[in-house]
Amino acid sequence: MRNRVQAALLAFVVLAVAAFAVPLLVFTASDRTQELVLARSSDLDRFASLMDQAATTGDASAVAAEARRYTQLYGEALVVTDARHKPVVETGGMRAADPAVGRLIDAALRNQTAHPTASLHPWSRGNRMFAEPAGTGTQVYGAVVLRASVRTAAHDIMWRWAAVLAAAALVALACTALARAVTRWVVRPLRRLDRAVGQLAAGLPPEHTDATGPPELRQLATGFNRMAGTVIEALEQQRRLVADTSHQMRNPMAALRLRVDALHTHLPASANRTYTGVTTELDRLETLLDDMLALATAEHRAGELTMTDDPYDHCDAAAVAAGRHRLWEPVARRAGARLTTPATDPVPAACTDHELAQIADILLDNAIKYAGEGAGITLRCTAEGPLAVLTVTDDGPGLDAAELARATERFWRSGRQRGTAGTGLGLAIAERLLAGRGGRLELRPALPRGLSARALVPRSGEDEQGGAR
């Protein structure tokens, strides 16, 4: 927005300065041209007056002497003729016999003046021709033709134009500085408001937006502060409720488990089935509480990373994969599955090793639980362009297209997996952790059968710099 506002203001400044400067440039050129015409017309009048006196006295020596001194002093050529086209004096190399000069003499003898009217410019060169009759009334005694150089006038116009353009540039710079100041005054509150909106969208308490700038923006900032306070309070209450509920229920659950275990020795053999069902449900409730607390933590962490992502957070995704393989391989073996992790070169990822390990644990836990006995599971770490990819692939039953579309929904589980332990929150937690780091979770069918879960996270900048070296 700042650039657009500045562009509009600068466009107005350019148009305003141009509307002021262009007419002034035209006026200065026209004014200096008029000065030249008036000065040379005055010189022509003087020579015409001398020619009148020569016609009365019959002695043209004064005209000739004055014309030679004029040319010597100013360097401009003169031709003076009598009424019969006979040259009285010719100076500066200009001759009455020249066709262009002859046409001007003919016009002057017809009592017509010839003064150039076109405005001069800084780039004008050459000469301008002036002609004027000598005589009184309708009686013409001769003609005076003057060839005037425009170099001095063009030079004067150039300096006048330079002064005008310099003044216009100063005005434009002053207006530009004013436009930038006004733009900052208008946009600065919007930037703070935008930053606060981003923090609010991430679920973080936004910084207080000062009510500055135009009245409309001050009113908007005040309203946003009130709204943000209400929203943050509601979010914090919701987060605190989930965390406190999950935490506070641990003690009653632990006490309940102790009492159930204590009753086990007093139960008859016929109650073993009921006892097993109760302990199974207790295990499920404990797992559910743990996952709900983990999801609340993941959402809060994802919101923080959206606004305060630390560029120095990085880990070796290949090393994390190798570590997770050592942890989960015995678990997979006890479940009757085969876990393999091909060795690979280091793949720096822009996240912490704890976050990536948590994501890998979720994917491996799902693969071992749902792929079934005898399944083959592969944990692979690769680099794909700007992304580090951690892939867990199994050859189990997999999910169909409708199930894949819902796999990351909270508490959702496939109808074929109702008897398997789980809460349906694992993939939702992984997805939120990846989103906080600018990554994503992809679920797709594996070939020829099974499921491929891909955790994609941006690669660390250190790897790119190392590649450049």
Protein backbone atom coordinates (compact mmCIF):
# COMPACT_ATOMS: atom_id res chain seq x y z
CA MET A 1 0.00 0.00 0.00
CA ARG A 2 2.85 2.36 0.84
CA ASN A 3 4.27 2.08 -2.69
CA ARG A 4 0.88 2.67 -4.27
CA VAL A 5 0.19 5.74 -2.15
CA GLN A 6 3.64 7.13 -2.86
CA ALA A 7 3.24 6.43 -6.59
CA ALA A 8 -0.06 8.33 -6.65
CA LEU A 9 1.39 11.28 -4.73
CA LEU A 10 4.54 11.36 -6.86
CA ALA A 11 2.47 11.24 -10.05
CA PHE A 12 0.52 14.25 -8.80
CA VAL A 13 3.79 16.03 -7.93
CA VAL A 14 5.20 15.37 -11.40
CA LEU A 15 2.06 16.66 -13.08
CA ALA A 16 1.94 19.76 -10.84
CA VAL A 17 5.62 20.58 -11.41
CA ALA A 18 5.27 19.97 -15.15
CA ALA A 19 2.20 22.22 -15.27
CA PHE A 20 4.30 24.92 -13.63
CA ALA A 21 7.61 24.40 -15.44
CA VAL A 22 6.55 23.82 -19.06
CA PRO A 23 4.68 27.15 -19.49
CA LEU A 24 7.56 28.93 -17.77
CA LEU A 25 10.05 27.37 -20.19
CA VAL A 26 7.93 28.43 -23.15
CA PHE A 27 7.59 31.95 -21.74
CA THR A 28 11.34 32.37 -21.14
CA ALA A 29 12.14 31.24 -24.70
CA SER A 30 9.49 33.54 -26.17
CA ASP A 31 10.61 36.46 -23.99
CA ARG A 32 14.27 36.14 -25.02
CA THR A 33 13.24 35.81 -28.68
CA GLN A 34 11.22 38.98 -28.35
CA GLU A 35 14.22 40.76 -26.83
CA LEU A 36 16.30 39.77 -29.84
CA VAL A 37 13.63 40.95 -32.27
CA LEU A 38 13.19 44.29 -30.49
CA ALA A 39 16.94 44.91 -30.31
CA ARG A 40 17.50 44.17 -34.01
CA SER A 41 14.41 46.15 -34.99
CA SER A 42 15.85 49.15 -33.16
CA ASP A 43 19.13 48.73 -35.06
CA LEU A 44 17.23 48.55 -38.35
CA ASP A 45 15.28 51.71 -37.47
CA ARG A 46 18.58 53.53 -36.87
CA PHE A 47 19.98 52.50 -40.25
CA ALA A 48 16.69 53.35 -41.97
CA SER A 49 16.88 56.82 -40.38
CA LEU A 50 20.46 57.28 -41.66
CA MET A 51 19.31 56.19 -45.11
CA ASP A 52 16.55 58.83 -44.99
CA GLN A 53 19.13 61.48 -44.25
CA ALA A 54 21.36 60.18 -47.06
CA ALA A 55 18.43 60.41 -49.51
CA THR A 56 17.90 64.04 -48.47
CA THR A 57 21.58 65.08 -48.58
CA GLY A 58 22.67 62.74 -51.37
CA ASP A 59 25.62 61.55 -49.24
CA ALA A 60 25.51 57.91 -48.12
CA SER A 61 29.01 57.83 -46.60
CA ALA A 62 27.62 58.10 -43.06
CA VAL A 63 25.42 55.05 -43.63
CA ALA A 64 28.33 53.04 -44.98
CA ALA A 65 30.68 54.02 -42.19
CA GLU A 66 28.12 53.23 -39.50
CA ALA A 67 27.29 49.84 -41.09
CA ARG A 68 30.97 48.82 -41.16
CA ARG A 69 31.45 49.82 -37.50
CA TYR A 70 28.31 47.86 -36.55
CA THR A 71 29.54 44.70 -38.27
CA GLN A 72 32.99 45.11 -36.77
CA LEU A 73 31.52 45.54 -33.29
CA TYR A 74 28.73 42.90 -33.32
CA GLY A 75 29.87 40.58 -36.12
CA GLU A 76 26.49 40.75 -37.90
CA ALA A 77 26.26 41.40 -41.63
CA LEU A 78 24.34 44.33 -43.15
CA VAL A 79 23.16 45.23 -46.67
CA VAL A 80 21.75 48.69 -47.38
CA THR A 81 20.39 49.55 -50.87
CA ASP A 82 18.75 52.56 -52.44
CA ALA A 83 15.33 52.58 -54.07
CA ARG A 84 16.84 51.26 -57.36
CA HIS A 85 18.27 48.08 -55.72
CA LYS A 86 21.77 49.56 -55.92
CA PRO A 87 23.85 48.49 -52.88
CA VAL A 88 24.90 51.42 -50.71
CA VAL A 89 26.96 49.21 -48.38
CA GLU A 90 27.54 45.45 -47.96
CA THR A 91 29.30 44.06 -44.88
CA GLY A 92 30.06 40.71 -43.28
CA GLY A 93 30.14 38.83 -46.57
CA MET A 94 26.43 39.28 -47.27
CA ARG A 95 25.59 40.45 -50.82
CA ALA A 96 22.49 42.02 -52.26
CA ALA A 97 22.81 39.64 -55.19
CA ASP A 98 22.09 36.63 -52.97
CA PRO A 99 18.62 35.29 -53.83
CA ALA A 100 17.44 35.18 -50.21
CA VAL A 101 18.73 38.69 -49.57
CA GLY A 102 17.23 39.89 -52.86
CA ARG A 103 13.76 38.67 -51.87
CA LEU A 104 13.98 40.54 -48.58
CA ILE A 105 15.12 43.72 -50.38
CA ASP A 106 12.21 43.46 -52.81
CA ALA A 107 9.76 43.12 -49.92
CA ALA A 108 11.32 46.09 -48.08
CA LEU A 109 11.15 48.27 -51.18
CA ARG A 110 7.45 47.42 -51.27
CA ASN A 111 7.31 48.94 -47.78
CA GLN A 112 7.11 45.53 -46.04
CA THR A 113 9.10 44.59 -42.93
CA ALA A 114 10.47 41.07 -42.33
CA HIS A 115 10.99 40.04 -38.71
CA PRO A 116 11.26 36.31 -37.74
CA THR A 117 8.57 35.27 -35.27
CA ALA A 118 9.49 31.64 -34.42
CA SER A 119 10.65 31.22 -30.82
CA LEU A 120 14.26 30.29 -30.22
CA HIS A 121 15.42 27.32 -28.12
CA PRO A 122 18.69 26.36 -26.41
CA TRP A 123 19.55 24.18 -29.39
CA SER A 124 18.82 26.87 -31.99
CA ARG A 125 21.75 27.63 -34.32
CA GLY A 126 22.46 29.74 -37.39
CA ASN A 127 21.11 33.22 -38.18
CA ARG A 128 17.86 35.06 -38.54
CA MET A 129 17.22 37.60 -41.34
CA PHE A 130 15.61 41.01 -40.70
CA ALA A 131 14.53 43.52 -43.35
CA GLU A 132 13.01 46.98 -43.08
CA PRO A 133 12.26 49.80 -45.59
CA ALA A 134 13.97 53.20 -45.30
CA GLY A 135 11.64 56.11 -45.85
CA THR A 136 8.70 58.05 -44.56
CA GLY A 137 5.09 57.22 -45.16
CA THR A 138 4.62 55.81 -48.62
CA GLN A 139 7.92 57.15 -49.93
CA VAL A 140 10.61 54.43 -49.79
CA TYR A 141 14.23 55.53 -50.27
CA GLY A 142 15.91 52.15 -49.81
CA ALA A 143 16.05 48.87 -47.87
CA VAL A 144 18.07 47.61 -44.88
CA VAL A 145 18.73 43.85 -44.44
CA LEU A 146 20.36 42.48 -41.28
CA ARG A 147 21.64 38.94 -40.67
CA ALA A 148 21.59 38.40 -36.89
CA SER A 149 23.23 35.50 -35.05
CA VAL A 150 21.04 33.64 -32.51
CA ARG A 151 23.93 32.03 -30.60
CA THR A 152 23.90 34.51 -27.72
CA ALA A 153 20.13 34.40 -27.40
CA ALA A 154 20.12 30.57 -27.46
CA HIS A 155 22.82 30.54 -24.77
CA ASP A 156 20.76 32.88 -22.61
CA ILE A 157 17.69 30.69 -23.07
CA MET A 158 19.72 27.63 -22.08
CA TRP A 159 20.74 29.24 -18.78
CA ARG A 160 17.21 30.43 -18.09
CA TRP A 161 15.86 26.95 -18.79
CA ALA A 162 18.53 25.46 -16.51
CA ALA A 163 17.43 27.80 -13.71
CA VAL A 164 13.77 26.88 -14.25
CA LEU A 165 14.52 23.14 -14.34
CA ALA A 166 16.71 23.39 -11.24
CA ALA A 167 13.92 25.18 -9.39
CA ALA A 168 11.43 22.59 -10.62
CA ALA A 169 13.74 19.78 -9.43
CA LEU A 170 14.04 21.37 -6.00
CA VAL A 171 10.28 21.74 -5.79
CA ALA A 172 9.85 18.13 -6.90
CA LEU A 173 12.35 16.90 -4.29
CA ALA A 174 10.64 18.92 -1.58
CA CYS A 175 7.24 17.57 -2.62
CA THR A 176 8.66 14.03 -2.78
CA ALA A 177 10.02 14.34 0.75
CA LEU A 178 6.67 15.69 1.89
CA ALA A 179 4.86 12.84 0.11
CA ARG A 180 7.09 10.25 1.78
CA ALA A 181 6.51 11.84 5.18
CA VAL A 182 2.75 11.89 4.64
CA THR A 183 2.83 8.30 3.39
CA ARG A 184 4.75 7.14 6.44
CA TRP A 185 2.32 9.00 8.67
CA VAL A 186 -0.59 7.22 7.00
CA VAL A 187 0.97 3.77 6.51
CA ARG A 188 2.87 3.35 9.80
CA PRO A 189 -0.33 2.65 11.80
CA LEU A 190 -1.42 0.20 9.09
CA ARG A 191 1.88 -1.68 9.38
CA ARG A 192 1.50 -1.99 13.11
CA LEU A 193 -2.09 -3.07 12.62
CA ASP A 194 -1.04 -5.66 10.02
CA ARG A 195 1.61 -7.05 12.38
CA ALA A 196 -0.93 -7.21 15.18
CA VAL A 197 -3.43 -9.00 12.88
CA GLY A 198 -0.75 -11.56 12.02
CA GLN A 199 -0.04 -12.16 15.69
CA LEU A 200 -3.74 -12.49 16.42
CA ALA A 201 -4.20 -14.93 13.51
CA ALA A 202 -1.35 -17.01 14.94
CA GLY A 203 -3.13 -17.15 18.30
CA LEU A 204 -0.58 -14.92 20.01
CA PRO A 205 -1.32 -11.82 22.08
CA PRO A 206 -0.90 -8.92 19.59
CA GLU A 207 1.11 -5.86 20.51
CA HIS A 208 -0.96 -2.84 21.44
CA THR A 209 -1.67 -0.73 18.36
CA ASP A 210 -1.18 2.96 19.07
CA ALA A 211 -4.01 5.20 17.89
CA THR A 212 -1.97 7.44 15.59
CA GLY A 213 -2.33 8.74 12.05
CA PRO A 214 -5.51 10.05 10.42
CA PRO A 215 -8.71 10.05 12.49
CA GLU A 216 -10.13 7.07 10.57
CA LEU A 217 -7.04 4.97 11.33
CA ARG A 218 -7.07 6.01 14.99
CA GLN A 219 -10.68 4.86 15.24
CA LEU A 220 -9.80 1.58 13.48
CA ALA A 221 -6.82 0.96 15.81
CA THR A 222 -8.96 1.58 18.89
CA GLY A 223 -11.63 -0.83 17.66
CA PHE A 224 -9.01 -3.46 16.80
CA ASN A 225 -7.44 -3.24 20.25
CA ARG A 226 -10.82 -3.87 21.85
CA MET A 227 -11.53 -6.78 19.50
CA ALA A 228 -8.04 -8.28 19.94
CA GLY A 229 -8.38 -8.18 23.71
CA THR A 230 -11.67 -10.05 23.55
CA VAL A 231 -10.40 -12.65 21.05
CA ILE A 232 -7.13 -13.28 22.90
CA GLU A 233 -8.96 -13.69 26.18
CA ALA A 234 -11.31 -16.23 24.60
CA LEU A 235 -8.41 -18.13 22.97
CA GLU A 236 -6.41 -18.12 26.17
CA GLN A 237 -9.39 -19.41 28.13
CA GLN A 238 -9.91 -22.17 25.57
CA ARG A 239 -6.21 -23.13 25.58
CA ARG A 240 -6.07 -23.02 29.35
CA LEU A 241 -9.20 -25.16 29.57
CA VAL A 242 -7.71 -27.87 27.32
CA ALA A 243 -4.33 -27.80 29.07
CA ASP A 244 -5.75 -27.64 32.58
CA THR A 245 -8.32 -30.33 31.87
CA SER A 246 -5.69 -32.64 30.44
CA HIS A 247 -3.31 -31.94 33.32
CA GLN A 248 -5.83 -32.02 36.16
CA MET A 249 -7.36 -35.29 35.00
CA ARG A 250 -4.02 -37.07 35.26
CA ASN A 251 -4.19 -37.35 39.05
CA PRO A 252 -7.74 -38.79 39.15
CA MET A 253 -6.82 -41.15 36.32
CA ALA A 254 -3.71 -42.31 38.17
CA ALA A 255 -5.68 -42.78 41.37
CA LEU A 256 -8.40 -44.68 39.51
CA ARG A 257 -5.82 -46.97 37.93
CA LEU A 258 -4.27 -47.71 41.35
CA ARG A 259 -7.68 -48.60 42.79
CA VAL A 260 -8.54 -50.80 39.80
CA ASP A 261 -5.18 -52.56 40.07
CA ALA A 262 -5.71 -53.02 43.80
CA LEU A 263 -9.11 -54.60 43.15
CA HIS A 264 -7.65 -57.04 40.65
CA THR A 265 -6.40 -59.42 43.33
CA HIS A 266 -9.85 -59.54 44.94
CA LEU A 267 -11.78 -60.24 41.75
CA PRO A 268 -12.95 -63.72 40.79
CA ALA A 269 -11.72 -65.25 37.55
CA SER A 270 -15.05 -64.51 35.92
CA ALA A 271 -14.39 -60.74 36.28
CA ASN A 272 -11.08 -60.80 34.39
CA ARG A 273 -12.77 -59.83 31.13
CA THR A 274 -14.39 -56.82 32.77
CA TYR A 275 -11.12 -55.88 34.43
CA THR A 276 -9.29 -56.04 31.10
CA GLY A 277 -11.93 -53.83 29.48
CA VAL A 278 -11.65 -51.25 32.26
CA THR A 279 -7.84 -51.09 32.07
CA THR A 280 -8.03 -50.85 28.30
CA GLU A 281 -10.38 -47.89 28.53
CA LEU A 282 -8.12 -46.32 31.17
CA ASP A 283 -5.16 -46.68 28.81
CA ARG A 284 -7.21 -45.09 26.04
CA LEU A 285 -8.24 -42.17 28.26
CA GLU A 286 -4.64 -41.58 29.35
CA THR A 287 -3.48 -41.64 25.75
CA LEU A 288 -6.29 -39.28 24.78
CA LEU A 289 -5.32 -36.83 27.51
CA ASP A 290 -1.67 -36.96 26.45
CA ASP A 291 -2.58 -36.36 22.81
CA MET A 292 -4.92 -33.49 23.62
CA LEU A 293 -2.19 -31.81 25.64
CA ALA A 294 0.31 -32.46 22.82
CA LEU A 295 -2.12 -30.99 20.26
CA ALA A 296 -2.68 -27.87 22.38
CA THR A 297 1.09 -27.46 22.73
CA ALA A 298 1.61 -28.02 18.99
CA GLU A 299 -1.00 -25.41 18.06
CA HIS A 300 0.53 -22.86 20.43
CA ARG A 301 4.02 -23.61 19.12
CA ALA A 302 2.83 -23.37 15.49
CA GLY A 303 1.32 -19.96 16.21
CA GLU A 304 4.56 -18.76 17.77
CA LEU A 305 6.62 -19.98 14.81
CA THR A 306 4.31 -18.24 12.35
CA MET A 307 5.35 -14.86 13.78
CA THR A 308 8.76 -15.57 15.35
CA ASP A 309 10.35 -18.30 13.25
CA ASP A 310 13.99 -18.52 14.34
CA PRO A 311 16.26 -18.68 11.24
CA TYR A 312 18.95 -20.36 13.35
CA ASP A 313 16.77 -23.41 14.17
CA HIS A 314 18.09 -26.31 12.13
CA CYS A 315 18.88 -30.00 12.39
CA ASP A 316 20.15 -32.88 10.29
CA ALA A 317 17.02 -34.68 9.13
CA ALA A 318 19.08 -37.76 8.13
CA ALA A 319 20.53 -38.01 11.65
CA VAL A 320 17.05 -37.69 13.16
CA ALA A 321 15.80 -40.48 10.88
CA ALA A 322 18.69 -42.72 11.91
CA GLY A 323 18.00 -42.04 15.60
CA ARG A 324 14.29 -42.78 15.20
CA HIS A 325 15.14 -46.03 13.42
CA ARG A 326 17.19 -47.23 16.39
CA LEU A 327 14.30 -46.38 18.74
CA TRP A 328 11.45 -47.87 16.71
CA GLU A 329 13.09 -50.90 15.10
CA PRO A 330 12.60 -53.11 18.21
CA VAL A 331 9.00 -51.93 18.47
CA ALA A 332 8.38 -52.83 14.83
CA ARG A 333 10.04 -56.22 15.29
CA ARG A 334 7.81 -57.04 18.28
CA ALA A 335 4.76 -56.06 16.18
CA GLY A 336 5.87 -58.43 13.41
CA ALA A 337 6.85 -55.66 10.98
CA ARG A 338 10.16 -54.88 9.28
CA LEU A 339 11.54 -51.34 9.59
CA THR A 340 14.36 -50.29 7.25
CA THR A 341 16.05 -46.90 6.96
CA PRO A 342 18.45 -46.45 4.01
CA ALA A 343 21.60 -44.47 4.81
CA THR A 344 21.74 -41.02 3.23
CA ASP A 345 23.86 -37.88 3.19
CA PRO A 346 23.08 -35.12 5.71
CA VAL A 347 19.92 -33.15 4.90
CA PRO A 348 19.74 -29.92 6.98
CA ALA A 349 16.16 -28.96 7.84
CA ALA A 350 14.88 -25.62 9.16
CA CYS A 351 13.43 -26.97 12.42
CA THR A 352 14.63 -28.41 15.70
CA ASP A 353 15.55 -32.08 16.02
CA HIS A 354 12.90 -32.45 18.76
CA GLU A 355 10.13 -31.24 16.43
CA LEU A 356 11.23 -33.49 13.56
CA ALA A 357 11.64 -36.46 15.94
CA GLN A 358 8.08 -35.93 17.24
CA ILE A 359 6.74 -35.90 13.67
CA ALA A 360 8.71 -39.05 12.77
CA ASP A 361 7.42 -40.79 15.92
CA ILE A 362 3.82 -40.09 14.91
CA LEU A 363 4.30 -41.40 11.37
CA LEU A 364 6.20 -44.51 12.49
CA ASP A 365 3.69 -45.26 15.26
CA ASN A 366 0.82 -45.11 12.75
CA ALA A 367 2.67 -47.29 10.24
CA ILE A 368 3.53 -49.99 12.82
CA LYS A 369 0.00 -50.04 14.30
CA TYR A 370 -2.00 -49.98 11.09
CA ALA A 371 0.16 -51.72 8.46
CA GLY A 372 -0.36 -55.09 10.13
CA GLU A 373 1.84 -58.05 10.94
CA GLY A 374 4.40 -58.95 8.30
CA ALA A 375 4.34 -55.45 6.75
CA GLY A 376 7.44 -53.77 5.47
CA ILE A 377 8.03 -50.18 6.59
CA THR A 378 10.64 -47.83 5.13
CA LEU A 379 11.82 -44.60 6.77
CA ARG A 380 13.61 -42.44 4.20
CA CYS A 381 15.12 -38.94 4.33
CA THR A 382 15.70 -37.03 1.06
CA ALA A 383 16.26 -33.51 -0.21
CA GLU A 384 13.86 -32.26 -2.90
CA GLY A 385 14.82 -28.79 -4.08
CA PRO A 386 14.31 -26.35 -1.20
CA LEU A 387 12.61 -29.00 0.97
CA ALA A 388 13.80 -31.70 3.33
CA VAL A 389 11.44 -34.69 3.09
CA LEU A 390 10.96 -37.39 5.72
CA THR A 391 8.93 -40.27 4.23
CA VAL A 392 7.41 -43.27 5.99
CA THR A 393 6.11 -45.87 3.53
CA ASP A 394 4.39 -49.15 4.37
CA ASP A 395 2.88 -51.96 2.29
CA GLY A 396 -0.14 -52.42 4.53
CA PRO A 397 -3.82 -52.00 3.57
CA GLY A 398 -3.46 -48.21 3.20
CA LEU A 399 -6.39 -45.80 2.84
CA ASP A 400 -8.80 -45.16 -0.01
CA ALA A 401 -9.34 -41.70 -1.55
CA ALA A 402 -12.21 -40.76 0.79
CA GLU A 403 -10.22 -41.83 3.84
CA LEU A 404 -7.11 -39.93 2.71
CA ALA A 405 -9.16 -36.73 2.50
CA ARG A 406 -10.15 -37.07 6.18
CA ALA A 407 -7.00 -38.63 7.62
CA THR A 408 -5.74 -35.41 9.27
CA GLU A 409 -9.10 -34.52 10.87
CA ARG A 410 -9.07 -34.55 14.65
CA PHE A 411 -10.38 -37.73 16.29
CA TRP A 412 -11.09 -39.32 12.89
CA ARG A 413 -10.20 -42.96 12.45
CA SER A 414 -10.89 -45.42 9.67
CA GLY A 415 -13.73 -47.84 10.26
CA ARG A 416 -11.27 -50.70 9.68
CA GLN A 417 -9.15 -49.52 12.63
CA ARG A 418 -11.75 -49.30 15.37
CA GLY A 419 -10.14 -52.08 17.38
CA THR A 420 -6.66 -50.54 17.28
CA ALA A 421 -5.39 -48.29 20.05
CA GLY A 422 -5.26 -44.63 19.11
CA THR A 423 -7.04 -41.29 19.43
CA GLY A 424 -7.02 -39.93 15.89
CA LEU A 425 -4.97 -36.90 16.90
CA GLY A 426 -1.47 -37.93 15.79
CA LEU A 427 -1.60 -36.72 12.18
CA ALA A 428 -3.32 -33.49 13.27
CA ILE A 429 -0.43 -32.82 15.66
CA ALA A 430 2.16 -33.53 12.95
CA GLU A 431 0.34 -31.30 10.48
CA ARG A 432 0.27 -28.36 12.92
CA LEU A 433 3.98 -28.74 13.76
CA LEU A 434 4.90 -28.77 10.06
CA ALA A 435 2.63 -25.81 9.27
CA GLY A 436 4.39 -23.76 11.94
CA ARG A 437 7.69 -24.30 10.11
CA GLY A 438 6.24 -23.49 6.69
CA GLY A 439 6.01 -27.16 5.74
CA ARG A 440 3.18 -29.59 5.08
CA LEU A 441 2.08 -33.20 5.47
CA GLU A 442 1.27 -35.26 2.37
CA LEU A 443 -0.56 -38.58 2.44
CA ARG A 444 -0.71 -40.63 -0.75
CA PRO A 445 -1.17 -44.29 -1.77
CA ALA A 446 2.02 -46.33 -2.06
CA LEU A 447 2.61 -48.66 -4.98
CA PRO A 448 1.68 -51.43 -5.36
CA ARG A 449 -0.16 -51.12 -2.04
CA GLY A 450 0.05 -49.33 1.28
CA LEU A 451 0.43 -45.75 2.40
CA SER A 452 3.15 -43.13 1.98
CA ALA A 453 3.27 -40.31 4.56
CA ARG A 454 5.61 -37.44 3.61
CA ALA A 455 6.63 -34.71 6.06
CA LEU A 456 8.01 -31.74 4.07
CA VAL A 457 9.88 -28.94 5.82
CA PRO A 458 12.05 -26.15 4.32
CA ARG A 459 15.75 -26.90 4.19
CA SER A 460 18.10 -24.95 6.40
CA GLY A 461 19.88 -21.92 4.91
CA GLU A 462 23.20 -23.38 6.07
CA ASP A 463 22.91 -26.11 3.47
CA GLU A 464 22.40 -23.60 0.68
CA GLN A 465 25.37 -21.59 1.86
CA GLY A 466 27.47 -24.70 2.14
CA GLY A 467 26.51 -25.65 -1.40
CA ALA A 468 27.52 -22.22 -2.60
CA ARG A 469 30.97 -22.63 -1.04
